[in-house]
Amino acid sequence: MRIWLLVAAAALTGCAAVPQDRVVLLPGPDGKVGQIAVNPGGRETVLDAAYASAAVDSTGKIDQAQLDANQIAQQFGAALGALPPRPKSFTLYFERDSDQLTPDSANLATAALAEIAARPVADVIVIGHTDRTGELAYNDTLSLQRAVAVREKLIAEGGDPARITATGRGEREPLVPTADEVPQPKNRRAELSVR
């Protein structure tokens, strides 16, 4: 779940009651929202609904309101339009003890390439992982090999090498927690973040 905030300063006049800051809670791409506490010097209000808004004046007074998508578009459309696209994540899976993608993941890599190509300047982070079978040092090496294999595939398809980073985490961050030496295909993965 992501929390998206928009903070806009209002023009100041001599009146102390004119809002100085406005905070609006925007939904994530899936429509879900988290929550945010607005606390200007001792007073506090919590925003926890899509398009909830809090305006804070110079005295610290908070005026809470519920806006809708049309009001947000009217008031903040230009600012929202200038934002870069939201990051997009892909999870690619590997064959056991290998840096070879599974057939389904090889197809998903094509979708990741399309996402990279659609952005004017894409930064890509590839993080390789393993399951918990094998020695820690072996899994560290294998996870990096997986990340590097994905990076090389992206570069071979036209990705900018200076904008694609690869790193390995070994078995330390399992997607599915298991006991040691338990094979788990979902942990044999590379997480690709395109921003």
C-alpha atoms as a PDB file:
ATOM      1  CA  MET A   1       0.000   0.000   0.000  1.00  0.00           C
ATOM      2  CA  ARG A   2       1.392   3.393  -0.907  1.00  0.00           C
ATOM      3  CA  ILE A   3       0.670   6.783   0.544  1.00  0.00           C
ATOM      4  CA  TRP A   4       0.812   9.631  -1.920  1.00  0.00           C
ATOM      5  CA  LEU A   5       0.840  13.134  -0.545  1.00  0.00           C
ATOM      6  CA  LEU A   6       0.574  16.453  -2.215  1.00  0.00           C
ATOM      7  CA  VAL A   7       1.661  19.508  -0.282  1.00  0.00           C
ATOM      8  CA  ALA A   8       0.936  22.942  -1.734  1.00  0.00           C
ATOM      9  CA  ALA A   9       1.637  26.300  -0.136  1.00  0.00           C
ATOM     10  CA  ALA A  10      -1.080  28.925  -0.485  1.00  0.00           C
ATOM     11  CA  ALA A  11      -0.298  32.553  -1.231  1.00  0.00           C
ATOM     12  CA  LEU A  12       0.079  34.536   1.948  1.00  0.00           C
ATOM     13  CA  THR A  13      -1.796  37.709   2.623  1.00  0.00           C
ATOM     14  CA  GLY A  14      -1.940  39.805   5.753  1.00  0.00           C
ATOM     15  CA  CYS A  15      -4.764  37.666   7.176  1.00  0.00           C
ATOM     16  CA  ALA A  16      -3.617  35.094   9.756  1.00  0.00           C
ATOM     17  CA  ALA A  17      -6.469  32.696   8.928  1.00  0.00           C
ATOM     18  CA  VAL A  18      -5.414  32.148   5.298  1.00  0.00           C
ATOM     19  CA  PRO A  19      -4.190  28.552   4.833  1.00  0.00           C
ATOM     20  CA  GLN A  20      -0.431  28.332   4.447  1.00  0.00           C
ATOM     21  CA  ASP A  21      -0.169  24.626   3.722  1.00  0.00           C
ATOM     22  CA  ARG A  22      -2.505  21.995   2.355  1.00  0.00           C
ATOM     23  CA  VAL A  23      -1.982  18.255   2.569  1.00  0.00           C
ATOM     24  CA  VAL A  24      -4.044  15.906   0.404  1.00  0.00           C
ATOM     25  CA  LEU A  25      -3.936  12.111   0.688  1.00  0.00           C
ATOM     26  CA  LEU A  26      -3.987  10.551  -2.770  1.00  0.00           C
ATOM     27  CA  PRO A  27      -4.829   6.901  -3.471  1.00  0.00           C
ATOM     28  CA  GLY A  28      -2.243   4.526  -4.874  1.00  0.00           C
ATOM     29  CA  PRO A  29      -2.666   3.002  -8.339  1.00  0.00           C
ATOM     30  CA  ASP A  30      -4.749   0.209  -6.812  1.00  0.00           C
ATOM     31  CA  GLY A  31      -7.078   2.743  -5.135  1.00  0.00           C
ATOM     32  CA  LYS A  32      -5.871   1.942  -1.626  1.00  0.00           C
ATOM     33  CA  VAL A  33      -4.633   4.554   0.832  1.00  0.00           C
ATOM     34  CA  GLY A  34      -2.718   4.531   4.071  1.00  0.00           C
ATOM     35  CA  GLN A  35      -2.902   7.376   6.502  1.00  0.00           C
ATOM     36  CA  ILE A  36      -0.953  10.456   7.481  1.00  0.00           C
ATOM     37  CA  ALA A  37      -1.000  12.568  10.628  1.00  0.00           C
ATOM     38  CA  VAL A  38      -0.911  16.333  10.174  1.00  0.00           C
ATOM     39  CA  ASN A  39       0.514  17.862  13.342  1.00  0.00           C
ATOM     40  CA  PRO A  40       1.305  21.584  13.267  1.00  0.00           C
ATOM     41  CA  GLY A  41       2.602  22.251  16.765  1.00  0.00           C
ATOM     42  CA  GLY A  42       0.472  20.174  19.096  1.00  0.00           C
ATOM     43  CA  ARG A  43      -2.777  19.878  17.177  1.00  0.00           C
ATOM     44  CA  GLU A  44      -3.263  16.794  15.100  1.00  0.00           C
ATOM     45  CA  THR A  45      -5.634  15.347  12.541  1.00  0.00           C
ATOM     46  CA  VAL A  46      -5.303  12.031  10.737  1.00  0.00           C
ATOM     47  CA  LEU A  47      -6.115  11.726   7.038  1.00  0.00           C
ATOM     48  CA  ASP A  48      -7.101   8.165   6.144  1.00  0.00           C
ATOM     49  CA  ALA A  49      -9.429   8.379   3.141  1.00  0.00           C
ATOM     50  CA  ALA A  50      -8.698   9.025  -0.527  1.00  0.00           C
ATOM     51  CA  TYR A  51      -8.662  12.775  -1.250  1.00  0.00           C
ATOM     52  CA  ALA A  52      -8.926  13.742   2.422  1.00  0.00           C
ATOM     53  CA  SER A  53      -7.421  17.196   2.870  1.00  0.00           C
ATOM     54  CA  ALA A  54      -6.073  19.286   5.724  1.00  0.00           C
ATOM     55  CA  ALA A  55      -5.364  23.011   5.406  1.00  0.00           C
ATOM     56  CA  VAL A  56      -3.177  24.573   8.090  1.00  0.00           C
ATOM     57  CA  ASP A  57      -3.174  28.334   8.679  1.00  0.00           C
ATOM     58  CA  SER A  58      -0.414  30.426  10.250  1.00  0.00           C
ATOM     59  CA  THR A  59      -1.888  29.956  13.728  1.00  0.00           C
ATOM     60  CA  GLY A  60      -1.737  26.155  13.422  1.00  0.00           C
ATOM     61  CA  LYS A  61      -5.488  25.763  12.999  1.00  0.00           C
ATOM     62  CA  ILE A  62      -6.367  22.723  10.881  1.00  0.00           C
ATOM     63  CA  ASP A  63      -9.362  22.710   8.551  1.00  0.00           C
ATOM     64  CA  GLN A  64     -10.126  19.209   7.345  1.00  0.00           C
ATOM     65  CA  ALA A  65     -12.156  18.579   4.180  1.00  0.00           C
ATOM     66  CA  GLN A  66     -13.059  15.705   1.904  1.00  0.00           C
ATOM     67  CA  LEU A  67     -12.316  16.474  -1.743  1.00  0.00           C
ATOM     68  CA  ASP A  68     -12.991  14.365  -4.823  1.00  0.00           C
ATOM     69  CA  ALA A  69     -10.934  13.420  -7.869  1.00  0.00           C
ATOM     70  CA  ASN A  70     -12.388  16.269  -9.966  1.00  0.00           C
ATOM     71  CA  GLN A  71     -11.496  18.895  -7.358  1.00  0.00           C
ATOM     72  CA  ILE A  72      -7.960  17.503  -7.131  1.00  0.00           C
ATOM     73  CA  ALA A  73      -7.620  17.613 -10.918  1.00  0.00           C
ATOM     74  CA  GLN A  74      -8.801  21.236 -11.010  1.00  0.00           C
ATOM     75  CA  GLN A  75      -6.619  22.453  -8.151  1.00  0.00           C
ATOM     76  CA  PHE A  76      -3.480  20.381  -8.676  1.00  0.00           C
ATOM     77  CA  GLY A  77      -3.732  19.051 -12.243  1.00  0.00           C
ATOM     78  CA  ALA A  78      -0.651  20.882 -13.512  1.00  0.00           C
ATOM     79  CA  ALA A  79       1.498  19.692 -10.600  1.00  0.00           C
ATOM     80  CA  LEU A  80       0.260  16.099 -10.889  1.00  0.00           C
ATOM     81  CA  GLY A  81       0.839  16.149 -14.640  1.00  0.00           C
ATOM     82  CA  ALA A  82       4.473  17.137 -14.085  1.00  0.00           C
ATOM     83  CA  LEU A  83       5.180  14.146 -11.840  1.00  0.00           C
ATOM     84  CA  PRO A  84       7.201  11.256 -13.299  1.00  0.00           C
ATOM     85  CA  PRO A  85       5.390   7.961 -13.827  1.00  0.00           C
ATOM     86  CA  ARG A  86       5.006   5.817 -10.714  1.00  0.00           C
ATOM     87  CA  PRO A  87       7.624   3.099 -10.254  1.00  0.00           C
ATOM     88  CA  LYS A  88       6.681  -0.296 -11.635  1.00  0.00           C
ATOM     89  CA  SER A  89       7.876  -3.593 -10.179  1.00  0.00           C
ATOM     90  CA  PHE A  90       8.370  -6.985 -11.771  1.00  0.00           C
ATOM     91  CA  THR A  91       9.316 -10.302 -10.150  1.00  0.00           C
ATOM     92  CA  LEU A  92      11.191 -12.765 -12.321  1.00  0.00           C
ATOM     93  CA  TYR A  93      11.736 -16.380 -11.235  1.00  0.00           C
ATOM     94  CA  PHE A  94      14.664 -18.696 -11.926  1.00  0.00           C
ATOM     95  CA  GLU A  95      15.300 -22.380 -12.384  1.00  0.00           C
ATOM     96  CA  ARG A  96      16.835 -24.114  -9.353  1.00  0.00           C
ATOM     97  CA  ASP A  97      20.594 -23.522  -8.838  1.00  0.00           C
ATOM     98  CA  SER A  98      20.690 -21.420 -12.011  1.00  0.00           C
ATOM     99  CA  ASP A  99      20.620 -17.899 -13.380  1.00  0.00           C
ATOM    100  CA  GLN A 100      18.256 -19.151 -16.128  1.00  0.00           C
ATOM    101  CA  LEU A 101      14.793 -17.553 -16.042  1.00  0.00           C
ATOM    102  CA  THR A 102      11.738 -19.782 -15.988  1.00  0.00           C
ATOM    103  CA  PRO A 103       9.794 -19.665 -19.289  1.00  0.00           C
ATOM    104  CA  ASP A 104       7.006 -17.520 -17.781  1.00  0.00           C
ATOM    105  CA  SER A 105       9.530 -15.078 -16.371  1.00  0.00           C
ATOM    106  CA  ALA A 106      11.345 -14.811 -19.686  1.00  0.00           C
ATOM    107  CA  ASN A 107       8.043 -13.534 -21.122  1.00  0.00           C
ATOM    108  CA  LEU A 108       7.602 -11.129 -18.205  1.00  0.00           C
ATOM    109  CA  ALA A 109      11.081  -9.748 -18.867  1.00  0.00           C
ATOM    110  CA  THR A 110       9.726  -8.575 -22.226  1.00  0.00           C
ATOM    111  CA  ALA A 111       7.023  -6.577 -20.408  1.00  0.00           C
ATOM    112  CA  ALA A 112       9.713  -5.041 -18.193  1.00  0.00           C
ATOM    113  CA  LEU A 113      11.654  -4.037 -21.307  1.00  0.00           C
ATOM    114  CA  ALA A 114       8.542  -2.358 -22.704  1.00  0.00           C
ATOM    115  CA  GLU A 115       8.100  -0.408 -19.453  1.00  0.00           C
ATOM    116  CA  ILE A 116      11.717   0.738 -19.559  1.00  0.00           C
ATOM    117  CA  ALA A 117      11.380   1.806 -23.190  1.00  0.00           C
ATOM    118  CA  ALA A 118       8.191   3.771 -22.431  1.00  0.00           C
ATOM    119  CA  ARG A 119       9.974   6.063 -19.971  1.00  0.00           C
ATOM    120  CA  PRO A 120      12.083   8.989 -21.172  1.00  0.00           C
ATOM    121  CA  VAL A 121      14.762   8.238 -18.567  1.00  0.00           C
ATOM    122  CA  ALA A 122      14.376   4.971 -16.689  1.00  0.00           C
ATOM    123  CA  ASP A 123      16.369   3.969 -13.622  1.00  0.00           C
ATOM    124  CA  VAL A 124      16.293   0.228 -13.032  1.00  0.00           C
ATOM    125  CA  ILE A 125      17.293  -1.686  -9.921  1.00  0.00           C
ATOM    126  CA  VAL A 126      17.597  -5.473 -10.128  1.00  0.00           C
ATOM    127  CA  ILE A 127      17.877  -7.388  -6.849  1.00  0.00           C
ATOM    128  CA  GLY A 128      18.628 -11.116  -7.012  1.00  0.00           C
ATOM    129  CA  HIS A 129      17.504 -13.634  -4.375  1.00  0.00           C
ATOM    130  CA  THR A 130      17.795 -17.373  -3.689  1.00  0.00           C
ATOM    131  CA  ASP A 131      15.945 -19.953  -1.676  1.00  0.00           C
ATOM    132  CA  ARG A 132      17.529 -21.341   1.504  1.00  0.00           C
ATOM    133  CA  THR A 133      19.131 -24.447  -0.016  1.00  0.00           C
ATOM    134  CA  GLY A 134      22.924 -24.402  -0.137  1.00  0.00           C
ATOM    135  CA  GLU A 135      25.595 -22.490   1.742  1.00  0.00           C
ATOM    136  CA  LEU A 136      25.229 -18.789   2.496  1.00  0.00           C
ATOM    137  CA  ALA A 137      28.287 -17.819   0.416  1.00  0.00           C
ATOM    138  CA  TYR A 138      27.010 -19.873  -2.552  1.00  0.00           C
ATOM    139  CA  ASN A 139      23.602 -18.198  -2.349  1.00  0.00           C
ATOM    140  CA  ASP A 140      25.190 -14.748  -2.146  1.00  0.00           C
ATOM    141  CA  THR A 141      27.088 -15.470  -5.361  1.00  0.00           C
ATOM    142  CA  LEU A 142      24.077 -17.040  -7.093  1.00  0.00           C
ATOM    143  CA  SER A 143      21.763 -14.144  -6.209  1.00  0.00           C
ATOM    144  CA  LEU A 144      24.222 -11.662  -7.705  1.00  0.00           C
ATOM    145  CA  GLN A 145      24.597 -13.849 -10.819  1.00  0.00           C
ATOM    146  CA  ARG A 146      20.816 -13.770 -11.229  1.00  0.00           C
ATOM    147  CA  ALA A 147      20.680  -9.992 -10.932  1.00  0.00           C
ATOM    148  CA  VAL A 148      23.586  -9.588 -13.359  1.00  0.00           C
ATOM    149  CA  ALA A 149      21.944 -11.999 -15.845  1.00  0.00           C
ATOM    150  CA  VAL A 150      18.777  -9.877 -15.846  1.00  0.00           C
ATOM    151  CA  ARG A 151      20.841  -6.675 -16.146  1.00  0.00           C
ATOM    152  CA  GLU A 152      22.742  -8.090 -19.123  1.00  0.00           C
ATOM    153  CA  LYS A 153      19.477  -9.133 -20.799  1.00  0.00           C
ATOM    154  CA  LEU A 154      18.112  -5.594 -20.367  1.00  0.00           C
ATOM    155  CA  ILE A 155      21.316  -4.072 -21.765  1.00  0.00           C
ATOM    156  CA  ALA A 156      21.309  -6.491 -24.715  1.00  0.00           C
ATOM    157  CA  GLU A 157      17.801  -5.247 -25.535  1.00  0.00           C
ATOM    158  CA  GLY A 158      18.871  -1.595 -25.522  1.00  0.00           C
ATOM    159  CA  GLY A 159      18.845  -0.634 -21.832  1.00  0.00           C
ATOM    160  CA  ASP A 160      21.371   2.006 -20.731  1.00  0.00           C
ATOM    161  CA  PRO A 161      24.072   0.254 -18.654  1.00  0.00           C
ATOM    162  CA  ALA A 162      24.628   3.403 -16.607  1.00  0.00           C
ATOM    163  CA  ARG A 163      20.984   3.349 -15.467  1.00  0.00           C
ATOM    164  CA  ILE A 164      20.669  -0.344 -14.524  1.00  0.00           C
ATOM    165  CA  THR A 165      21.995  -1.472 -11.143  1.00  0.00           C
ATOM    166  CA  ALA A 166      22.302  -5.110 -10.072  1.00  0.00           C
ATOM    167  CA  THR A 167      22.778  -6.440  -6.559  1.00  0.00           C
ATOM    168  CA  GLY A 168      22.259  -9.731  -4.734  1.00  0.00           C
ATOM    169  CA  ARG A 169      20.722 -10.447  -1.333  1.00  0.00           C
ATOM    170  CA  GLY A 170      21.325 -14.200  -1.183  1.00  0.00           C
ATOM    171  CA  GLU A 171      18.802 -16.066   0.946  1.00  0.00           C
ATOM    172  CA  ARG A 172      18.357 -13.215   3.466  1.00  0.00           C
ATOM    173  CA  GLU A 173      15.044 -11.797   2.207  1.00  0.00           C
ATOM    174  CA  PRO A 174      12.759 -14.717   1.331  1.00  0.00           C
ATOM    175  CA  LEU A 175       9.414 -14.005  -0.252  1.00  0.00           C
ATOM    176  CA  VAL A 176       8.129 -17.200   1.391  1.00  0.00           C
ATOM    177  CA  PRO A 177       9.785 -17.887   4.764  1.00  0.00           C
ATOM    178  CA  THR A 178      11.100 -21.462   5.052  1.00  0.00           C
ATOM    179  CA  ALA A 179      13.413 -23.483   7.230  1.00  0.00           C
ATOM    180  CA  ASP A 180      17.011 -23.870   6.113  1.00  0.00           C
ATOM    181  CA  GLU A 181      17.585 -26.261   3.191  1.00  0.00           C
ATOM    182  CA  VAL A 182      13.945 -26.140   2.076  1.00  0.00           C
ATOM    183  CA  PRO A 183      13.646 -25.447  -1.673  1.00  0.00           C
ATOM    184  CA  GLN A 184      11.078 -22.757  -2.490  1.00  0.00           C
ATOM    185  CA  PRO A 185      10.652 -21.681  -6.136  1.00  0.00           C
ATOM    186  CA  LYS A 186       9.132 -18.288  -5.216  1.00  0.00           C
ATOM    187  CA  ASN A 187      12.326 -17.349  -3.361  1.00  0.00           C
ATOM    188  CA  ARG A 188      14.473 -17.973  -6.463  1.00  0.00           C
ATOM    189  CA  ARG A 189      13.772 -14.589  -7.982  1.00  0.00           C
ATOM    190  CA  ALA A 190      14.959 -11.200  -9.115  1.00  0.00           C
ATOM    191  CA  GLU A 191      12.962  -8.126  -8.202  1.00  0.00           C
ATOM    192  CA  LEU A 192      13.066  -5.467 -10.877  1.00  0.00           C
ATOM    193  CA  SER A 193      12.064  -1.907 -10.064  1.00  0.00           C
ATOM    194  CA  VAL A 194      11.646   0.531 -12.957  1.00  0.00           C
ATOM    195  CA  ARG A 195      11.444   4.208 -11.981  1.00  0.00           C
END
